[in-house]
Protein backbone atom coordinates (compact mmCIF):
# COMPACT_ATOMS: atom_id res chain seq x y z
CA MET A 1 -5.62 -5.01 -9.60
CA THR A 2 -7.84 -2.00 -8.94
CA ARG A 3 -6.86 0.39 -6.21
CA THR A 4 -9.54 2.40 -4.51
CA SER A 5 -7.48 5.07 -2.82
CA CYS A 6 -4.02 6.52 -2.60
CA ALA A 7 -1.94 8.12 0.07
CA ASN A 8 -1.22 11.70 -0.87
CA THR A 9 -3.56 14.67 -0.47
CA SER A 10 -3.46 15.71 -4.13
CA CYS A 11 -4.63 12.23 -5.00
CA ASN A 12 -7.80 12.70 -3.00
CA PHE A 13 -8.33 16.10 -4.57
CA PHE A 14 -7.89 14.98 -8.20
CA GLN A 15 -10.01 11.84 -7.90
CA THR A 16 -13.14 13.86 -8.62
CA GLU A 17 -11.65 16.12 -11.30
CA ASP A 18 -12.17 15.43 -15.00
CA THR A 19 -9.12 17.39 -16.12
CA TYR A 20 -6.03 19.07 -14.73
CA GLU A 21 -6.24 22.02 -17.16
CA PRO A 22 -7.90 24.61 -14.87
CA TYR A 23 -4.84 24.39 -12.60
CA ALA A 24 -2.23 24.61 -15.37
CA GLU A 25 -1.93 28.39 -15.12
CA TYR A 26 -0.83 28.07 -11.47
CA VAL A 27 1.43 25.00 -11.56
CA ASP A 28 3.95 23.59 -14.01
CA ASP A 29 1.82 21.50 -16.37
CA ARG A 30 4.35 18.64 -16.64
CA TRP A 31 4.25 18.11 -12.88
CA LEU A 32 0.48 18.62 -12.85
CA LYS A 33 -0.12 16.01 -15.57
CA ASP A 34 2.06 13.54 -13.71
CA VAL A 35 0.21 14.00 -10.39
CA PHE A 36 -3.17 13.92 -12.12
CA ALA A 37 -2.32 10.70 -13.98
CA GLU A 38 -0.88 9.10 -10.84
CA THR A 39 -4.07 9.96 -8.97
CA LYS A 40 -6.30 8.35 -11.55
CA ILE A 41 -4.08 5.27 -11.92
CA LEU A 42 -3.77 4.60 -8.19
CA ALA A 43 -7.47 5.15 -7.66
CA GLY A 44 -8.32 2.82 -10.57
CA LEU A 45 -10.49 5.48 -12.20
CA GLY A 46 -11.33 5.84 -15.88
CA GLU A 47 -9.37 4.60 -18.87
CA GLN A 48 -5.93 3.61 -17.62
CA GLU A 49 -4.28 3.98 -21.06
CA LYS A 50 -5.36 7.61 -21.12
CA TRP A 51 -3.61 8.25 -17.79
CA TYR A 52 -0.45 6.33 -18.77
CA SER A 53 -0.03 8.62 -21.76
CA LEU A 54 0.08 11.67 -19.46
CA LEU A 55 3.02 10.38 -17.42
CA ASP A 56 6.22 12.32 -18.12
CA ASN A 57 8.50 9.38 -17.27
CA PRO A 58 8.01 6.14 -19.25
CA THR A 59 9.11 4.01 -16.28
CA LYS A 60 6.70 5.76 -13.91
CA TYR A 61 3.83 3.35 -14.68
CA GLN A 62 5.95 0.34 -13.71
CA GLN A 63 6.95 2.11 -10.50
CA LEU A 64 3.30 2.83 -9.70
CA LYS A 65 2.35 -0.75 -10.51
CA GLU A 66 4.95 -2.09 -8.08
CA ARG A 67 4.28 0.54 -5.40
CA VAL A 68 3.17 -0.57 -1.95
CA ASP A 69 1.34 1.89 0.30
CA LEU A 70 1.12 1.21 4.01
CA ARG A 71 -1.76 2.65 5.96
CA PHE A 72 -2.09 2.59 9.68
CA ALA A 73 -5.35 2.76 11.59
CA PRO A 74 -6.03 6.29 12.86
CA GLN A 75 -6.46 5.02 16.41
CA ASN A 76 -2.87 3.68 16.52
CA LYS A 77 -0.43 5.65 18.63
CA GLU A 78 1.96 7.82 16.64
CA PHE A 79 4.70 7.97 19.26
CA PHE A 80 5.99 5.45 21.77
CA GLY A 81 8.19 6.05 24.79
CA SER A 82 11.18 3.85 25.58
CA ASN A 83 9.29 2.28 28.52
CA ASP A 84 6.01 1.65 26.64
CA ALA A 85 4.97 -2.01 26.57
CA GLY A 86 4.43 -3.63 23.22
CA ASP A 87 5.41 -6.53 21.01
CA ALA A 88 8.04 -4.60 19.09
CA GLY A 89 9.84 -3.63 22.29
CA ALA A 90 9.84 -7.20 23.59
CA GLY A 91 11.33 -8.52 20.36
CA TYR A 92 14.04 -5.92 20.47
CA GLN A 93 14.84 -6.73 24.08
CA GLU A 94 15.11 -10.45 23.33
CA ARG A 95 17.59 -9.79 20.52
CA GLN A 96 19.71 -7.61 22.82
CA GLU A 97 19.94 -10.39 25.42
CA ARG A 98 21.41 -12.93 22.95
């Protein structure tokens, strides 16, 4: 399965980078390699084997493979009041009445 985007900000930043090396003098290179590889893997960019070899944790690839990202539409409300109407509230109310 090819993924076209990922959730974190660094992912968006590293999608267009060819290497992590220019940033290695500012950030721990082990962490940097891991984030860079995760970015490329989740975005489905380049040679996946190359990115797997950069991961610091051997089980990290399996975790990434099984990962599920949820995205909500930007127009959805972020906060709901206790009196706001909605399906989730109705379901909760029905359970309370039983």
